[in-house]
C-alpha atoms as a PDB file:
ATOM      1  CA  MET A   1     -14.930   8.314 -13.308  1.00  0.00           C
ATOM      2  CA  ALA A   2     -11.457   9.866 -13.214  1.00  0.00           C
ATOM      3  CA  LYS A   3      -8.425   7.647 -12.671  1.00  0.00           C
ATOM      4  CA  SER A   4      -6.501   7.957  -9.415  1.00  0.00           C
ATOM      5  CA  PRO A   5      -3.086   9.597  -9.817  1.00  0.00           C
ATOM      6  CA  ALA A   6      -0.183   7.156  -9.973  1.00  0.00           C
ATOM      7  CA  VAL A   7       3.607   7.489  -9.738  1.00  0.00           C
ATOM      8  CA  ARG A   8       6.574   5.284 -10.532  1.00  0.00           C
ATOM      9  CA  ALA A   9       8.178   4.176  -7.273  1.00  0.00           C
ATOM     10  CA  LYS A  10      10.623   1.768  -5.662  1.00  0.00           C
ATOM     11  CA  LEU A  11      10.034  -0.230  -2.468  1.00  0.00           C
ATOM     12  CA  THR A  12      13.212  -1.982  -1.310  1.00  0.00           C
ATOM     13  CA  ASP A  13      14.577  -3.097  -4.713  1.00  0.00           C
ATOM     14  CA  ILE A  14      11.183  -3.530  -6.389  1.00  0.00           C
ATOM     15  CA  LEU A  15      10.043  -1.087  -9.081  1.00  0.00           C
ATOM     16  CA  LEU A  16       6.281  -0.498  -9.065  1.00  0.00           C
ATOM     17  CA  VAL A  17       3.492   1.925  -9.834  1.00  0.00           C
ATOM     18  CA  ALA A  18       1.907   3.406  -6.700  1.00  0.00           C
ATOM     19  CA  ILE A  19      -1.627   4.754  -6.785  1.00  0.00           C
ATOM     20  CA  LEU A  20      -2.052   7.906  -4.706  1.00  0.00           C
ATOM     21  CA  ASP A  21      -5.194   8.565  -2.683  1.00  0.00           C
ATOM     22  CA  PRO A  22      -4.846  11.828  -0.754  1.00  0.00           C
ATOM     23  CA  GLY A  23      -8.218  11.221   0.932  1.00  0.00           C
ATOM     24  CA  ALA A  24      -7.254   7.818   2.319  1.00  0.00           C
ATOM     25  CA  GLU A  25      -6.902   7.264   6.051  1.00  0.00           C
ATOM     26  CA  VAL A  26      -4.528   4.310   5.572  1.00  0.00           C
ATOM     27  CA  THR A  27      -1.939   3.225   3.051  1.00  0.00           C
ATOM     28  CA  CYS A  28      -2.291  -0.331   1.751  1.00  0.00           C
ATOM     29  CA  LEU A  29      -0.203  -2.796  -0.184  1.00  0.00           C
ATOM     30  CA  ASN A  30      -1.054  -6.313  -1.192  1.00  0.00           C
ATOM     31  CA  GLU A  31       0.260  -9.297   0.714  1.00  0.00           C
ATOM     32  CA  SER A  32       2.234 -10.691  -2.218  1.00  0.00           C
ATOM     33  CA  LEU A  33       4.196  -7.417  -2.546  1.00  0.00           C
ATOM     34  CA  ALA A  34       4.968  -7.434   1.193  1.00  0.00           C
ATOM     35  CA  LEU A  35       6.278 -10.996   0.889  1.00  0.00           C
ATOM     36  CA  LYS A  36       8.306 -10.224  -2.254  1.00  0.00           C
ATOM     37  CA  ALA A  37       9.833  -7.128  -0.603  1.00  0.00           C
ATOM     38  CA  ASN A  38      10.570  -9.092   2.587  1.00  0.00           C
ATOM     39  CA  ILE A  39       8.495  -6.683   4.687  1.00  0.00           C
ATOM     40  CA  LYS A  40       7.652  -7.979   8.149  1.00  0.00           C
ATOM     41  CA  VAL A  41       3.899  -7.964   8.777  1.00  0.00           C
ATOM     42  CA  VAL A  42       2.455  -8.346  12.282  1.00  0.00           C
ATOM     43  CA  ASP A  43      -1.084  -9.125  13.413  1.00  0.00           C
ATOM     44  CA  THR A  44      -3.572  -6.279  13.753  1.00  0.00           C
ATOM     45  CA  THR A  45      -7.168  -5.808  14.820  1.00  0.00           C
ATOM     46  CA  SER A  46      -7.617  -2.927  12.354  1.00  0.00           C
ATOM     47  CA  SER A  47     -10.261  -2.985   9.657  1.00  0.00           C
ATOM     48  CA  ALA A  48     -10.779  -0.850   6.569  1.00  0.00           C
ATOM     49  CA  ARG A  49     -13.261  -0.192   3.792  1.00  0.00           C
ATOM     50  CA  ALA A  50     -12.611   0.762   0.202  1.00  0.00           C
ATOM     51  CA  ALA A  51     -14.636   3.504  -1.440  1.00  0.00           C
ATOM     52  CA  GLY A  52     -18.293   2.720  -0.994  1.00  0.00           C
ATOM     53  CA  THR A  53     -18.991  -0.242   1.240  1.00  0.00           C
ATOM     54  CA  ASN A  54     -16.423  -2.757   0.003  1.00  0.00           C
ATOM     55  CA  ALA A  55     -14.571  -4.322   2.941  1.00  0.00           C
ATOM     56  CA  LEU A  56     -10.821  -4.851   2.544  1.00  0.00           C
ATOM     57  CA  GLU A  57      -9.185  -8.033   3.789  1.00  0.00           C
ATOM     58  CA  ILE A  58      -6.523  -6.894   6.272  1.00  0.00           C
ATOM     59  CA  VAL A  59      -3.862  -9.538   6.973  1.00  0.00           C
ATOM     60  CA  GLY A  60      -1.751  -7.341   9.263  1.00  0.00           C
ATOM     61  CA  GLN A  61       0.290  -4.180   9.447  1.00  0.00           C
ATOM     62  CA  THR A  62       3.952  -3.526   8.790  1.00  0.00           C
ATOM     63  CA  ALA A  63       6.220  -3.936  11.806  1.00  0.00           C
ATOM     64  CA  GLU A  64       8.225  -0.858  10.759  1.00  0.00           C
ATOM     65  CA  PRO A  65       7.394   2.270   8.723  1.00  0.00           C
ATOM     66  CA  LEU A  66       7.950   1.854   4.976  1.00  0.00           C
ATOM     67  CA  GLU A  67      10.178   4.046   2.861  1.00  0.00           C
ATOM     68  CA  VAL A  68       9.125   4.397  -0.780  1.00  0.00           C
ATOM     69  CA  THR A  69      11.228   6.241  -3.354  1.00  0.00           C
ATOM     70  CA  ILE A  70       9.181   8.209  -5.921  1.00  0.00           C
ATOM     71  CA  PHE A  71      10.588   8.775  -9.439  1.00  0.00           C
ATOM     72  CA  GLY A  72       9.793  11.809 -11.571  1.00  0.00           C
ATOM     73  CA  ASP A  73       9.115  11.697 -15.314  1.00  0.00           C
END
């Protein structure tokens, strides 16, 4: 199986590697990163599934849109 493409990025002041999924209907980040980046998360009734039938645990959605800076090579 081929690896998903990934890019170096920055969210608030946190450097990270973001995995890109052009076929995804939603963009996800883990709860610990949201807390570390001080991103406000609000309750949601949304649900999601990973590839196949794996359910994802959704703890909420961001209160505001996120801005991620992508770095080239």
